[in-house]
N, C-alpha and C. Protein backbone atom coordinates (compact mmCIF):
# COMPACT_ATOMS: atom_id res chain seq x y z
N MET A 1 -15.65 -36.85 -16.79
CA MET A 1 -16.15 -35.66 -16.49
C MET A 1 -15.06 -34.91 -15.63
N ILE A 2 -14.45 -35.59 -14.68
CA ILE A 2 -13.40 -35.03 -13.76
C ILE A 2 -12.18 -34.70 -14.73
N LYS A 3 -11.86 -35.43 -15.67
CA LYS A 3 -10.75 -35.20 -16.53
C LYS A 3 -11.04 -33.82 -17.34
N LEU A 4 -12.22 -33.62 -17.84
CA LEU A 4 -12.64 -32.38 -18.53
C LEU A 4 -12.41 -31.19 -17.54
N LEU A 5 -12.98 -31.30 -16.34
CA LEU A 5 -12.75 -30.21 -15.38
C LEU A 5 -11.24 -29.91 -15.13
N GLU A 6 -10.46 -30.89 -15.00
CA GLU A 6 -8.96 -30.69 -14.85
C GLU A 6 -8.41 -30.01 -16.04
N ILE A 7 -8.74 -30.38 -17.20
CA ILE A 7 -8.31 -29.77 -18.42
C ILE A 7 -8.73 -28.31 -18.47
N LEU A 8 -9.98 -28.01 -18.17
CA LEU A 8 -10.45 -26.65 -18.16
C LEU A 8 -9.76 -25.80 -17.10
N SER A 9 -9.54 -26.35 -15.91
CA SER A 9 -8.85 -25.63 -14.91
C SER A 9 -7.42 -25.32 -15.25
N GLU A 10 -6.71 -26.32 -15.91
CA GLU A 10 -5.33 -26.14 -16.39
C GLU A 10 -5.35 -25.04 -17.39
N ALA A 11 -6.20 -25.02 -18.36
CA ALA A 11 -6.27 -24.02 -19.37
C ALA A 11 -6.54 -22.66 -18.80
N GLU A 12 -7.36 -22.54 -17.78
CA GLU A 12 -7.69 -21.24 -17.15
C GLU A 12 -6.36 -20.74 -16.49
N SER A 13 -5.67 -21.62 -15.83
CA SER A 13 -4.47 -21.22 -15.06
C SER A 13 -3.28 -20.89 -15.93
N ASN A 14 -3.22 -21.38 -17.20
CA ASN A 14 -2.19 -21.15 -18.05
C ASN A 14 -2.37 -19.97 -19.06
N LYS A 15 -3.44 -19.24 -18.81
CA LYS A 15 -3.74 -18.16 -19.80
C LYS A 15 -2.78 -17.05 -19.57
N CYS A 16 -2.82 -16.09 -20.52
CA CYS A 16 -1.86 -14.98 -20.48
C CYS A 16 -2.40 -14.01 -19.30
N PRO A 17 -1.45 -13.39 -18.69
CA PRO A 17 -1.92 -12.36 -17.70
C PRO A 17 -2.73 -11.28 -18.38
N ILE A 18 -3.75 -10.87 -17.72
CA ILE A 18 -4.74 -9.87 -18.32
C ILE A 18 -4.12 -8.66 -18.88
N PRO A 19 -3.13 -8.03 -18.09
CA PRO A 19 -2.55 -6.87 -18.71
C PRO A 19 -1.79 -7.04 -19.98
N THR A 20 -1.43 -8.20 -20.29
CA THR A 20 -0.85 -8.45 -21.65
C THR A 20 -1.84 -8.32 -22.73
N GLN A 21 -3.03 -8.45 -22.40
CA GLN A 21 -4.16 -8.50 -23.43
C GLN A 21 -5.13 -7.26 -23.34
N ASN A 22 -4.98 -6.51 -22.21
CA ASN A 22 -5.82 -5.26 -22.03
C ASN A 22 -4.98 -4.08 -21.86
N ILE A 23 -4.93 -3.25 -22.89
CA ILE A 23 -4.00 -2.12 -22.85
C ILE A 23 -4.39 -1.13 -21.76
N GLU A 24 -5.55 -0.94 -21.48
CA GLU A 24 -5.98 0.02 -20.36
C GLU A 24 -5.40 -0.37 -19.02
N LEU A 25 -5.59 -1.62 -18.77
CA LEU A 25 -5.00 -2.20 -17.45
C LEU A 25 -3.51 -2.19 -17.45
N ASN A 26 -2.89 -2.54 -18.57
CA ASN A 26 -1.47 -2.43 -18.62
C ASN A 26 -1.00 -1.02 -18.41
N LEU A 27 -1.65 -0.08 -19.03
CA LEU A 27 -1.21 1.35 -18.83
C LEU A 27 -1.52 1.84 -17.37
N GLN A 28 -2.50 1.44 -16.82
CA GLN A 28 -2.81 1.80 -15.44
C GLN A 28 -1.73 1.22 -14.53
N ASN A 29 -1.40 -0.07 -14.73
CA ASN A 29 -0.36 -0.73 -13.86
C ASN A 29 1.02 -0.12 -14.10
N ARG A 30 1.34 0.23 -15.35
CA ARG A 30 2.57 0.76 -15.69
C ARG A 30 2.72 2.21 -14.98
N GLN A 31 1.60 3.00 -15.02
CA GLN A 31 1.68 4.34 -14.45
C GLN A 31 1.87 4.14 -12.94
N LYS A 32 1.19 3.22 -12.38
CA LYS A 32 1.43 2.97 -10.89
C LYS A 32 2.96 2.65 -10.66
N ALA A 33 3.53 1.85 -11.54
CA ALA A 33 4.96 1.52 -11.32
C ALA A 33 5.82 2.77 -11.46
N ILE A 34 5.45 3.70 -12.41
CA ILE A 34 6.19 4.93 -12.62
C ILE A 34 6.00 5.72 -11.36
N ASN A 35 4.83 5.92 -10.83
CA ASN A 35 4.51 6.87 -9.74
C ASN A 35 5.00 6.28 -8.38
N GLU A 36 4.89 4.98 -8.14
CA GLU A 36 5.17 4.46 -6.83
C GLU A 36 6.50 3.75 -6.64
N TYR A 37 7.08 3.29 -7.91
CA TYR A 37 8.27 2.49 -7.84
C TYR A 37 9.46 3.05 -8.75
N GLY A 38 9.23 4.26 -9.25
CA GLY A 38 10.21 4.83 -10.05
C GLY A 38 10.59 4.17 -11.30
N TYR A 39 9.64 3.51 -11.99
CA TYR A 39 9.93 2.87 -13.20
C TYR A 39 10.41 3.79 -14.34
N GLY A 40 11.41 3.50 -14.98
CA GLY A 40 11.96 4.32 -16.08
C GLY A 40 13.27 3.82 -16.48
N PRO A 41 14.05 4.67 -17.14
CA PRO A 41 13.71 6.01 -17.63
C PRO A 41 12.70 5.98 -18.83
N LEU A 42 12.06 7.06 -19.03
CA LEU A 42 11.07 7.13 -20.08
C LEU A 42 11.58 6.72 -21.45
N ASN A 43 12.75 7.36 -21.81
CA ASN A 43 13.43 7.00 -23.12
C ASN A 43 14.82 6.46 -22.79
N PRO A 44 15.07 5.11 -22.87
CA PRO A 44 16.43 4.62 -22.63
C PRO A 44 17.49 4.96 -23.59
N ASN A 45 17.02 5.67 -24.71
CA ASN A 45 18.03 6.02 -25.73
C ASN A 45 18.72 7.39 -25.24
N GLU A 46 18.13 8.14 -24.28
CA GLU A 46 18.71 9.34 -23.81
C GLU A 46 19.58 9.06 -22.58
N PRO A 47 20.61 9.99 -22.26
CA PRO A 47 21.48 9.76 -21.16
C PRO A 47 20.75 9.65 -19.76
N ASN A 48 19.66 10.37 -19.60
CA ASN A 48 18.89 10.21 -18.26
C ASN A 48 19.77 10.16 -17.01
N GLU A 49 20.77 11.13 -17.00
CA GLU A 49 21.71 11.07 -15.87
C GLU A 49 21.04 11.31 -14.52
N LYS A 50 20.03 12.20 -14.52
CA LYS A 50 19.31 12.56 -13.29
C LYS A 50 18.56 11.31 -12.79
N PHE A 51 17.89 10.63 -13.73
CA PHE A 51 17.23 9.34 -13.29
C PHE A 51 18.16 8.36 -12.77
N TRP A 52 19.27 8.15 -13.44
CA TRP A 52 20.23 7.11 -13.01
C TRP A 52 21.00 7.53 -11.73
N GLN A 53 21.25 8.78 -11.62
CA GLN A 53 21.89 9.28 -10.41
C GLN A 53 20.93 9.03 -9.17
N ALA A 54 19.74 9.25 -9.32
CA ALA A 54 18.70 9.03 -8.28
C ALA A 54 18.77 7.52 -7.91
N LYS A 55 18.84 6.59 -8.80
CA LYS A 55 18.88 5.13 -8.57
C LYS A 55 20.13 4.79 -7.86
N ALA A 56 21.30 5.43 -8.35
CA ALA A 56 22.62 5.14 -7.63
C ALA A 56 22.53 5.65 -6.15
N ASP A 57 21.90 6.74 -5.96
CA ASP A 57 21.88 7.30 -4.64
C ASP A 57 20.91 6.37 -3.80
N MET A 58 19.77 6.05 -4.28
CA MET A 58 18.95 5.21 -3.55
C MET A 58 19.41 3.87 -3.13
N TRP A 59 20.25 3.21 -4.02
CA TRP A 59 20.90 1.97 -3.76
C TRP A 59 22.17 2.10 -3.14
N GLN A 60 22.51 3.27 -2.79
CA GLN A 60 23.84 3.57 -2.17
C GLN A 60 25.04 2.94 -2.91
N LEU A 61 25.03 3.34 -4.25
CA LEU A 61 26.13 2.91 -5.10
C LEU A 61 27.12 3.90 -5.40
N ASP A 62 28.31 3.59 -5.74
CA ASP A 62 29.38 4.55 -5.94
C ASP A 62 29.19 5.33 -7.29
N THR A 63 28.60 4.65 -8.30
CA THR A 63 28.57 5.17 -9.59
C THR A 63 27.18 5.06 -10.23
N VAL A 64 26.89 5.84 -11.22
CA VAL A 64 25.78 5.71 -12.04
C VAL A 64 25.88 4.43 -12.95
N GLU A 65 27.02 4.15 -13.32
CA GLU A 65 27.35 2.86 -14.12
C GLU A 65 26.92 1.73 -13.47
N GLU A 66 27.20 1.67 -12.11
CA GLU A 66 26.78 0.44 -11.25
C GLU A 66 25.19 0.35 -11.27
N ALA A 67 24.56 1.53 -11.16
CA ALA A 67 22.99 1.46 -11.17
C ALA A 67 22.47 1.03 -12.47
N LYS A 68 23.16 1.30 -13.60
CA LYS A 68 22.80 0.95 -14.96
C LYS A 68 22.84 -0.54 -15.16
N THR A 69 23.53 -1.25 -14.24
CA THR A 69 23.60 -2.75 -14.36
C THR A 69 22.36 -3.50 -13.90
N SER A 70 21.52 -2.68 -13.14
CA SER A 70 20.41 -3.30 -12.52
C SER A 70 19.17 -2.91 -13.34
N ARG A 71 18.78 -3.68 -14.30
CA ARG A 71 17.71 -3.29 -15.21
C ARG A 71 16.64 -4.45 -15.25
N CYS A 72 15.48 -4.09 -15.76
CA CYS A 72 14.38 -5.03 -15.89
C CYS A 72 14.89 -6.28 -16.51
N GLY A 73 15.73 -6.16 -17.49
CA GLY A 73 16.26 -7.33 -18.26
C GLY A 73 16.93 -8.39 -17.43
N ASN A 74 17.43 -8.04 -16.31
CA ASN A 74 18.10 -9.00 -15.44
C ASN A 74 17.44 -9.10 -14.01
N CYS A 75 16.11 -8.66 -13.96
CA CYS A 75 15.40 -8.70 -12.68
C CYS A 75 14.82 -10.04 -12.58
N VAL A 76 14.65 -10.59 -11.29
CA VAL A 76 14.03 -11.88 -11.05
C VAL A 76 12.57 -12.01 -11.56
N ALA A 77 11.87 -10.89 -11.53
CA ALA A 77 10.55 -10.88 -11.99
C ALA A 77 10.20 -10.55 -13.50
N PHE A 78 11.19 -10.40 -14.20
CA PHE A 78 11.10 -10.12 -15.66
C PHE A 78 10.93 -11.34 -16.45
N ASP A 79 9.73 -11.58 -16.99
CA ASP A 79 9.42 -12.87 -17.72
C ASP A 79 9.54 -12.65 -19.18
N ILE A 80 10.43 -13.43 -19.83
CA ILE A 80 10.59 -13.44 -21.28
C ILE A 80 10.58 -14.92 -21.73
N SER A 81 9.79 -15.72 -20.96
CA SER A 81 9.64 -17.15 -21.35
C SER A 81 8.99 -17.29 -22.73
N PRO A 82 9.07 -18.38 -23.41
CA PRO A 82 8.42 -18.58 -24.66
C PRO A 82 6.91 -18.38 -24.59
N ARG A 83 6.28 -18.89 -23.54
CA ARG A 83 4.91 -18.71 -23.37
C ARG A 83 4.47 -17.23 -23.13
N MET A 84 5.34 -16.47 -22.54
CA MET A 84 5.07 -15.02 -22.25
C MET A 84 5.24 -14.24 -23.60
N GLU A 85 6.21 -14.71 -24.37
CA GLU A 85 6.44 -14.14 -25.64
C GLU A 85 5.13 -14.17 -26.50
N ASP A 86 4.56 -15.39 -26.39
CA ASP A 86 3.27 -15.59 -27.15
C ASP A 86 2.22 -14.72 -26.67
N CYS A 87 2.22 -14.35 -25.39
CA CYS A 87 1.16 -13.46 -24.83
C CYS A 87 1.29 -11.99 -25.28
N MET A 88 2.48 -11.60 -25.80
CA MET A 88 2.74 -10.30 -26.21
C MET A 88 2.23 -9.99 -27.55
N PRO A 89 1.29 -8.99 -27.74
CA PRO A 89 0.83 -8.62 -29.09
C PRO A 89 1.97 -7.64 -29.68
N GLY A 90 2.16 -7.90 -30.99
CA GLY A 90 3.13 -7.03 -31.62
C GLY A 90 4.53 -7.35 -31.45
N PRO A 91 5.46 -6.50 -31.93
CA PRO A 91 6.92 -6.76 -31.73
C PRO A 91 7.31 -6.79 -30.36
N ILE A 92 8.34 -7.65 -30.03
CA ILE A 92 8.70 -7.74 -28.54
C ILE A 92 10.29 -7.36 -28.44
N SER A 93 10.91 -6.95 -29.56
CA SER A 93 12.29 -6.62 -29.48
C SER A 93 12.59 -5.32 -30.29
N ASP A 94 13.49 -4.48 -29.86
CA ASP A 94 13.95 -3.37 -30.60
C ASP A 94 15.50 -3.26 -30.35
N ASP A 95 16.04 -2.19 -30.85
CA ASP A 95 17.51 -2.07 -30.84
C ASP A 95 18.01 -1.91 -29.37
N ASP A 96 17.16 -1.59 -28.46
CA ASP A 96 17.52 -1.41 -26.97
C ASP A 96 17.34 -2.51 -26.14
N GLY A 97 16.52 -3.56 -26.59
CA GLY A 97 16.20 -4.66 -25.68
C GLY A 97 14.98 -5.38 -26.06
N LYS A 98 14.24 -5.80 -25.06
CA LYS A 98 13.14 -6.77 -25.26
C LYS A 98 12.03 -6.43 -24.27
N LEU A 99 10.82 -6.65 -24.81
CA LEU A 99 9.67 -6.41 -24.03
C LEU A 99 9.35 -7.76 -23.34
N GLY A 100 9.01 -7.59 -21.92
CA GLY A 100 8.71 -8.81 -21.18
C GLY A 100 7.51 -8.39 -20.17
N TYR A 101 7.31 -9.30 -19.26
CA TYR A 101 6.16 -8.99 -18.29
C TYR A 101 6.75 -9.00 -16.93
N CYS A 102 6.47 -7.89 -16.18
CA CYS A 102 6.85 -7.73 -14.86
C CYS A 102 5.81 -8.36 -13.91
N TRP A 103 6.25 -9.46 -13.17
CA TRP A 103 5.28 -10.14 -12.30
C TRP A 103 5.17 -9.29 -10.99
N MET A 104 6.14 -8.53 -10.66
CA MET A 104 5.98 -7.68 -9.34
C MET A 104 4.84 -6.59 -9.50
N HIS A 105 4.81 -5.95 -10.73
CA HIS A 105 3.85 -4.86 -10.88
C HIS A 105 2.83 -5.14 -11.90
N SER A 106 2.80 -6.26 -12.54
CA SER A 106 1.75 -6.70 -13.44
C SER A 106 1.55 -5.85 -14.71
N PHE A 107 2.68 -5.59 -15.45
CA PHE A 107 2.48 -4.89 -16.65
C PHE A 107 3.69 -5.27 -17.60
N LYS A 108 3.42 -4.99 -18.90
CA LYS A 108 4.52 -5.18 -19.89
C LYS A 108 5.61 -4.13 -19.72
N CYS A 109 6.91 -4.64 -19.52
CA CYS A 109 7.97 -3.68 -19.38
C CYS A 109 9.09 -4.00 -20.27
N HIS A 110 9.93 -2.99 -20.40
CA HIS A 110 11.12 -3.14 -21.26
C HIS A 110 12.31 -3.41 -20.52
N SER A 111 13.22 -4.25 -21.14
CA SER A 111 14.44 -4.75 -20.45
C SER A 111 15.40 -3.67 -20.16
N ALA A 112 15.33 -2.54 -20.89
CA ALA A 112 16.30 -1.43 -20.68
C ALA A 112 15.94 -0.42 -19.58
N ARG A 113 14.81 -0.65 -18.96
CA ARG A 113 14.38 0.18 -17.87
C ARG A 113 14.67 -0.47 -16.49
N THR A 114 14.32 0.16 -15.41
CA THR A 114 14.44 -0.44 -14.10
C THR A 114 13.36 0.22 -13.19
N CYS A 115 13.38 -0.27 -11.90
CA CYS A 115 12.52 0.35 -10.98
C CYS A 115 13.13 0.13 -9.52
N ARG A 116 12.68 0.75 -8.53
CA ARG A 116 13.18 0.56 -7.13
C ARG A 116 13.10 -0.78 -6.58
N THR A 117 12.16 -1.65 -7.15
CA THR A 117 11.99 -3.00 -6.56
C THR A 117 12.82 -4.00 -7.35
N TRP A 118 13.75 -3.56 -8.24
CA TRP A 118 14.63 -4.44 -8.96
C TRP A 118 15.22 -5.47 -8.01
N ALA A 119 15.29 -6.69 -8.36
CA ALA A 119 15.93 -7.80 -7.60
C ALA A 119 16.66 -8.64 -8.50
N LYS A 120 17.85 -9.03 -8.01
CA LYS A 120 18.78 -9.91 -8.76
C LYS A 120 18.15 -11.36 -8.99
N GLY A 121 18.47 -11.86 -10.13
CA GLY A 121 18.09 -13.31 -10.45
C GLY A 121 17.41 -13.59 -11.71
N GLY A 122 17.24 -12.68 -12.50
CA GLY A 122 16.45 -12.85 -13.65
C GLY A 122 17.24 -12.84 -14.97
N PRO A 123 16.60 -12.96 -16.09
CA PRO A 123 15.17 -12.94 -16.33
C PRO A 123 14.62 -14.38 -16.13
N ILE A 124 13.24 -14.44 -16.19
CA ILE A 124 12.61 -15.68 -16.27
C ILE A 124 12.52 -16.15 -17.75
N GLU A 125 13.15 -17.26 -17.96
CA GLU A 125 13.27 -17.77 -19.42
C GLU A 125 12.45 -19.18 -19.63
N LYS A 126 12.09 -19.76 -18.51
CA LYS A 126 11.43 -21.07 -18.63
C LYS A 126 9.90 -20.90 -18.36
N ASP A 127 9.11 -21.57 -19.23
CA ASP A 127 7.66 -21.58 -19.01
C ASP A 127 7.26 -22.05 -17.64
N SER A 128 7.94 -23.08 -17.20
CA SER A 128 7.54 -23.66 -15.79
C SER A 128 7.69 -22.56 -14.66
N VAL A 129 8.82 -21.71 -14.72
CA VAL A 129 8.95 -20.70 -13.79
C VAL A 129 7.91 -19.52 -13.98
N SER A 130 7.64 -19.33 -15.26
CA SER A 130 6.61 -18.27 -15.54
C SER A 130 5.20 -18.59 -14.98
N TYR A 131 4.87 -19.91 -15.08
CA TYR A 131 3.61 -20.41 -14.50
C TYR A 131 3.62 -20.40 -13.01
N GLU A 132 4.79 -20.67 -12.43
CA GLU A 132 4.88 -20.58 -10.94
C GLU A 132 4.54 -19.11 -10.48
N TRP A 133 5.25 -18.12 -11.22
CA TRP A 133 4.93 -16.78 -10.78
C TRP A 133 3.54 -16.41 -10.95
N GLN A 134 2.88 -16.94 -12.02
CA GLN A 134 1.50 -16.59 -12.33
C GLN A 134 0.56 -17.21 -11.24
N GLU A 135 0.88 -18.43 -10.82
CA GLU A 135 0.14 -19.07 -9.76
C GLU A 135 0.24 -18.29 -8.49
N ARG A 136 1.48 -17.90 -8.18
CA ARG A 136 1.65 -17.13 -6.95
C ARG A 136 0.95 -15.78 -6.94
N LYS A 137 0.91 -15.10 -8.08
CA LYS A 137 0.28 -13.84 -8.26
C LYS A 137 -1.27 -13.92 -8.42
N GLY A 138 -1.70 -15.08 -8.75
CA GLY A 138 -3.16 -15.19 -8.98
C GLY A 138 -3.62 -14.43 -10.19
N GLU A 139 -2.77 -14.33 -11.13
CA GLU A 139 -3.31 -13.61 -12.39
C GLU A 139 -3.77 -14.49 -13.35
């Protein structure tokens, strides 16, 4: 009986984050990231000089090119682990990058974008690290 409870508990803790499965919650969390944390740019295929200049100014960088090196794709909270890839419905890659999960703001985000809370050290590529983030976040 105890073994069954342990298995059920582990299965519950290893599930996909709800925003990867619930589009309304994902959109709500993404909009919050846009409004409160400057997530963007909306279309990474465009120059978006105003967006990137604002990031360069905020981070006190010398050039826009420096700001463009700090993207979701290399953020410590950007999860592209194999198990997270399995959580993503539909295609996860395009010509501009890859879809992953942002543990800081709890939504599916794209590797070509960024936000004010970008932090060096990513992406998350191991399932074990992904599970650690999920446990810490309680998602």
